[in-house]
Amino acid sequence: MIDEPEVVADLDLRALCATIDLDDDDLGMRVDDGDIAVRLTTGVGGTYADAIAGAERLAAGLDQFLALLKTRAGSADPFPRPVPVVVCELAADHQPGS
């Protein structure tokens, strides 16, 4: 089992902004809420296929989170039942810092 990293910050969805950027030829996405910022990158030494898989896992998790928020807000839309998202099971050679 992989130990989950500790949460070090919360981003406020009400003020969230996401911007795609290119920093020294490194494609990334800056996500911030006006107080805290994180940058999503393709990683060092990985492949675009690995980065795409990570972005797909993130997008699937966000889709589920959005559906839950809409349901709690009283949305009349039916709650989608997507395929469960596996976010953290990566091969040992694709772990950050390895």
N, C-alpha and C. Protein backbone atom coordinates (compact mmCIF):
# COMPACT_ATOMS: atom_id res chain seq x y z
N MET A 1 0.84 -1.18 0.00
CA MET A 1 0.00 0.00 0.00
C MET A 1 0.88 1.24 0.00
N ILE A 2 0.52 2.23 -0.78
CA ILE A 2 1.27 3.47 -0.88
C ILE A 2 0.79 4.43 0.19
N ASP A 3 1.74 4.99 0.96
CA ASP A 3 1.38 6.01 1.95
C ASP A 3 0.94 7.27 1.22
N GLU A 4 -0.19 7.83 1.66
CA GLU A 4 -0.68 9.06 1.04
C GLU A 4 0.07 10.24 1.63
N PRO A 5 0.45 11.20 0.78
CA PRO A 5 1.10 12.39 1.31
C PRO A 5 0.14 13.22 2.15
N GLU A 6 0.69 13.96 3.09
CA GLU A 6 -0.11 14.82 3.95
C GLU A 6 -0.62 16.01 3.15
N VAL A 7 -1.86 16.39 3.40
CA VAL A 7 -2.42 17.59 2.78
C VAL A 7 -1.74 18.79 3.43
N VAL A 8 -1.16 19.67 2.61
CA VAL A 8 -0.45 20.83 3.15
C VAL A 8 -1.19 22.14 2.93
N ALA A 9 -2.24 22.12 2.09
CA ALA A 9 -3.00 23.33 1.83
C ALA A 9 -4.36 22.98 1.25
N ASP A 10 -5.30 23.88 1.43
CA ASP A 10 -6.63 23.75 0.82
C ASP A 10 -6.79 24.90 -0.18
N LEU A 11 -7.35 24.60 -1.34
CA LEU A 11 -7.68 25.63 -2.32
C LEU A 11 -9.17 25.89 -2.25
N ASP A 12 -9.55 27.17 -2.25
CA ASP A 12 -10.95 27.58 -2.18
C ASP A 12 -11.55 27.56 -3.59
N LEU A 13 -12.48 26.64 -3.83
CA LEU A 13 -13.09 26.51 -5.16
C LEU A 13 -13.79 27.78 -5.63
N ARG A 14 -14.29 28.57 -4.70
CA ARG A 14 -15.04 29.78 -5.07
C ARG A 14 -14.16 30.80 -5.77
N ALA A 15 -12.84 30.75 -5.55
CA ALA A 15 -11.93 31.71 -6.15
C ALA A 15 -10.93 31.05 -7.10
N LEU A 16 -11.17 29.81 -7.45
CA LEU A 16 -10.20 29.02 -8.20
C LEU A 16 -10.01 29.55 -9.62
N CYS A 17 -8.76 29.57 -10.05
CA CYS A 17 -8.39 29.96 -11.40
C CYS A 17 -7.36 28.96 -11.91
N ALA A 18 -7.51 28.50 -13.14
CA ALA A 18 -6.56 27.57 -13.74
C ALA A 18 -6.05 28.18 -15.04
N THR A 19 -4.72 28.20 -15.20
CA THR A 19 -4.10 28.81 -16.36
C THR A 19 -3.05 27.87 -16.92
N ILE A 20 -3.11 27.59 -18.20
CA ILE A 20 -2.09 26.76 -18.86
C ILE A 20 -0.91 27.67 -19.17
N ASP A 21 0.31 27.17 -18.90
CA ASP A 21 1.50 27.99 -19.15
C ASP A 21 2.62 27.14 -19.74
N LEU A 22 3.63 27.83 -20.23
CA LEU A 22 4.82 27.19 -20.78
C LEU A 22 6.01 27.85 -20.10
N ASP A 23 6.69 27.11 -19.24
CA ASP A 23 7.82 27.64 -18.48
C ASP A 23 9.08 26.89 -18.89
N ASP A 24 10.00 27.57 -19.56
CA ASP A 24 11.22 26.93 -20.06
C ASP A 24 10.91 25.67 -20.86
N ASP A 25 9.93 25.79 -21.76
CA ASP A 25 9.50 24.69 -22.64
C ASP A 25 8.84 23.54 -21.88
N ASP A 26 8.45 23.77 -20.63
CA ASP A 26 7.76 22.77 -19.82
C ASP A 26 6.29 23.15 -19.73
N LEU A 27 5.43 22.39 -20.37
CA LEU A 27 3.99 22.64 -20.35
C LEU A 27 3.43 22.35 -18.97
N GLY A 28 2.64 23.26 -18.45
CA GLY A 28 2.07 23.06 -17.13
C GLY A 28 0.75 23.79 -16.98
N MET A 29 0.13 23.59 -15.83
CA MET A 29 -1.11 24.29 -15.50
C MET A 29 -0.97 24.82 -14.09
N ARG A 30 -1.13 26.13 -13.95
CA ARG A 30 -1.11 26.78 -12.64
C ARG A 30 -2.55 26.83 -12.15
N VAL A 31 -2.75 26.37 -10.92
CA VAL A 31 -4.07 26.40 -10.29
C VAL A 31 -3.92 27.19 -9.00
N ASP A 32 -4.72 28.26 -8.83
CA ASP A 32 -4.61 29.04 -7.61
C ASP A 32 -5.97 29.58 -7.20
N ASP A 33 -6.03 29.99 -5.92
CA ASP A 33 -7.26 30.58 -5.39
C ASP A 33 -7.02 32.00 -4.90
N GLY A 34 -5.92 32.61 -5.34
CA GLY A 34 -5.58 33.95 -4.91
C GLY A 34 -4.67 33.98 -3.71
N ASP A 35 -4.62 32.89 -2.94
CA ASP A 35 -3.74 32.79 -1.77
C ASP A 35 -2.68 31.71 -1.95
N ILE A 36 -3.07 30.60 -2.53
CA ILE A 36 -2.19 29.44 -2.68
C ILE A 36 -2.19 29.03 -4.15
N ALA A 37 -1.01 28.67 -4.65
CA ALA A 37 -0.90 28.23 -6.04
C ALA A 37 -0.14 26.91 -6.10
N VAL A 38 -0.55 26.06 -7.03
CA VAL A 38 0.18 24.83 -7.35
C VAL A 38 0.34 24.79 -8.86
N ARG A 39 1.34 24.07 -9.33
CA ARG A 39 1.56 23.94 -10.76
C ARG A 39 1.60 22.46 -11.11
N LEU A 40 0.74 22.06 -12.02
CA LEU A 40 0.70 20.69 -12.51
C LEU A 40 1.64 20.62 -13.72
N THR A 41 2.54 19.63 -13.73
CA THR A 41 3.50 19.51 -14.82
C THR A 41 3.50 18.10 -15.39
N THR A 42 4.23 17.94 -16.48
CA THR A 42 4.33 16.63 -17.11
C THR A 42 5.35 15.74 -16.42
N GLY A 43 6.12 16.29 -15.50
CA GLY A 43 7.10 15.51 -14.76
C GLY A 43 8.44 15.46 -15.49
N VAL A 44 9.45 15.08 -14.76
CA VAL A 44 10.79 15.00 -15.32
C VAL A 44 11.09 13.55 -15.66
N GLY A 45 11.48 13.30 -16.89
CA GLY A 45 11.90 11.97 -17.28
C GLY A 45 10.78 11.00 -17.61
N GLY A 46 9.55 11.44 -17.48
CA GLY A 46 8.42 10.57 -17.84
C GLY A 46 8.04 10.75 -19.29
N THR A 47 7.00 10.07 -19.68
CA THR A 47 6.52 10.19 -21.06
C THR A 47 5.23 11.01 -21.07
N TYR A 48 4.89 11.51 -22.24
CA TYR A 48 3.61 12.20 -22.37
C TYR A 48 2.46 11.24 -22.11
N ALA A 49 2.63 9.97 -22.44
CA ALA A 49 1.57 8.98 -22.16
C ALA A 49 1.31 8.89 -20.66
N ASP A 50 2.38 8.93 -19.85
CA ASP A 50 2.22 8.91 -18.40
C ASP A 50 1.52 10.17 -17.91
N ALA A 51 1.91 11.33 -18.47
CA ALA A 51 1.30 12.60 -18.09
C ALA A 51 -0.18 12.63 -18.49
N ILE A 52 -0.49 12.11 -19.67
CA ILE A 52 -1.88 12.05 -20.13
C ILE A 52 -2.70 11.17 -19.19
N ALA A 53 -2.15 10.04 -18.78
CA ALA A 53 -2.88 9.15 -17.87
C ALA A 53 -3.15 9.86 -16.54
N GLY A 54 -2.17 10.61 -16.04
CA GLY A 54 -2.37 11.36 -14.80
C GLY A 54 -3.44 12.44 -14.96
N ALA A 55 -3.40 13.16 -16.09
CA ALA A 55 -4.41 14.19 -16.35
C ALA A 55 -5.80 13.57 -16.47
N GLU A 56 -5.90 12.39 -17.07
CA GLU A 56 -7.19 11.70 -17.17
C GLU A 56 -7.71 11.29 -15.80
N ARG A 57 -6.81 10.82 -14.92
CA ARG A 57 -7.23 10.46 -13.56
C ARG A 57 -7.73 11.70 -12.82
N LEU A 58 -7.02 12.82 -12.98
CA LEU A 58 -7.45 14.06 -12.35
C LEU A 58 -8.80 14.51 -12.88
N ALA A 59 -8.98 14.48 -14.20
CA ALA A 59 -10.25 14.90 -14.81
C ALA A 59 -11.41 14.01 -14.36
N ALA A 60 -11.18 12.71 -14.26
CA ALA A 60 -12.24 11.80 -13.80
C ALA A 60 -12.61 12.08 -12.35
N GLY A 61 -11.61 12.33 -11.51
CA GLY A 61 -11.88 12.67 -10.11
C GLY A 61 -12.64 13.98 -10.00
N LEU A 62 -12.28 14.97 -10.82
CA LEU A 62 -12.99 16.26 -10.82
C LEU A 62 -14.43 16.10 -11.30
N ASP A 63 -14.66 15.26 -12.29
CA ASP A 63 -16.02 15.00 -12.76
C ASP A 63 -16.89 14.44 -11.64
N GLN A 64 -16.34 13.50 -10.87
CA GLN A 64 -17.09 12.92 -9.76
C GLN A 64 -17.33 13.95 -8.66
N PHE A 65 -16.32 14.77 -8.37
CA PHE A 65 -16.44 15.81 -7.35
C PHE A 65 -17.50 16.83 -7.76
N LEU A 66 -17.49 17.24 -9.03
CA LEU A 66 -18.48 18.18 -9.54
C LEU A 66 -19.90 17.61 -9.42
N ALA A 67 -20.06 16.34 -9.74
CA ALA A 67 -21.38 15.71 -9.64
C ALA A 67 -21.86 15.72 -8.18
N LEU A 68 -20.96 15.46 -7.24
CA LEU A 68 -21.33 15.49 -5.83
C LEU A 68 -21.72 16.90 -5.39
N LEU A 69 -20.96 17.90 -5.82
CA LEU A 69 -21.29 19.29 -5.49
C LEU A 69 -22.66 19.68 -6.04
N LYS A 70 -22.93 19.30 -7.29
CA LYS A 70 -24.22 19.62 -7.91
C LYS A 70 -25.36 18.92 -7.18
N THR A 71 -25.14 17.69 -6.77
CA THR A 71 -26.16 16.95 -6.03
C THR A 71 -26.45 17.63 -4.70
N ARG A 72 -25.40 18.03 -3.99
CA ARG A 72 -25.59 18.71 -2.70
C ARG A 72 -26.25 20.07 -2.87
N ALA A 73 -26.06 20.70 -4.02
CA ALA A 73 -26.67 22.01 -4.28
C ALA A 73 -28.11 21.87 -4.76
N GLY A 74 -28.60 20.62 -4.91
CA GLY A 74 -29.99 20.41 -5.30
C GLY A 74 -30.20 20.29 -6.79
N SER A 75 -29.16 19.97 -7.53
CA SER A 75 -29.29 19.81 -8.98
C SER A 75 -30.30 18.71 -9.30
N ALA A 76 -31.12 18.96 -10.30
CA ALA A 76 -32.11 17.96 -10.72
C ALA A 76 -31.49 16.92 -11.66
N ASP A 77 -30.25 17.16 -12.09
CA ASP A 77 -29.59 16.21 -12.98
C ASP A 77 -29.33 14.91 -12.24
N PRO A 78 -29.50 13.78 -12.93
CA PRO A 78 -29.21 12.51 -12.26
C PRO A 78 -27.72 12.41 -11.93
N PHE A 79 -27.44 11.76 -10.83
CA PHE A 79 -26.06 11.58 -10.40
C PHE A 79 -25.39 10.53 -11.29
N PRO A 80 -24.33 10.91 -12.00
CA PRO A 80 -23.66 9.93 -12.87
C PRO A 80 -22.94 8.87 -12.06
N ARG A 81 -22.86 7.69 -12.60
CA ARG A 81 -22.15 6.58 -11.95
C ARG A 81 -20.93 6.21 -12.79
N PRO A 82 -19.87 7.03 -12.70
CA PRO A 82 -18.69 6.75 -13.52
C PRO A 82 -17.90 5.56 -12.99
N VAL A 83 -17.00 5.08 -13.82
CA VAL A 83 -16.10 4.01 -13.41
C VAL A 83 -15.25 4.55 -12.27
N PRO A 84 -15.03 3.78 -11.20
CA PRO A 84 -14.21 4.27 -10.09
C PRO A 84 -12.84 4.73 -10.56
N VAL A 85 -12.34 5.77 -9.93
CA VAL A 85 -11.05 6.35 -10.30
C VAL A 85 -9.96 5.79 -9.39
N VAL A 86 -8.90 5.30 -10.01
CA VAL A 86 -7.72 4.89 -9.27
C VAL A 86 -6.69 6.00 -9.48
N VAL A 87 -6.39 6.72 -8.41
CA VAL A 87 -5.56 7.90 -8.54
C VAL A 87 -4.10 7.65 -8.23
N CYS A 88 -3.78 6.77 -7.32
CA CYS A 88 -2.42 6.71 -6.79
C CYS A 88 -1.66 5.42 -7.05
N GLU A 89 -2.17 4.51 -7.81
CA GLU A 89 -1.46 3.27 -8.03
C GLU A 89 -0.61 3.39 -9.29
N LEU A 90 0.66 3.77 -9.10
CA LEU A 90 1.60 3.91 -10.19
C LEU A 90 2.69 2.86 -10.05
N ALA A 91 3.27 2.51 -11.15
CA ALA A 91 4.39 1.57 -11.11
C ALA A 91 5.52 2.18 -10.30
N ALA A 92 6.33 1.36 -9.65
CA ALA A 92 7.41 1.84 -8.79
C ALA A 92 8.37 2.76 -9.54
N ASP A 93 8.60 2.50 -10.84
CA ASP A 93 9.53 3.34 -11.59
C ASP A 93 8.91 4.66 -12.03
N HIS A 94 7.64 4.91 -11.70
CA HIS A 94 6.98 6.17 -12.05
C HIS A 94 6.62 6.97 -10.82
N GLN A 95 7.17 6.62 -9.67
CA GLN A 95 6.90 7.36 -8.45
C GLN A 95 7.69 8.66 -8.45
N PRO A 96 7.09 9.74 -7.97
CA PRO A 96 7.84 10.99 -7.90
C PRO A 96 9.14 10.81 -7.11
N GLY A 97 10.20 11.37 -7.63
CA GLY A 97 11.49 11.29 -6.95
C GLY A 97 12.27 10.04 -7.22
N SER A 98 11.71 9.12 -8.06
CA SER A 98 12.48 7.89 -8.33
C SER A 98 13.18 7.96 -9.65
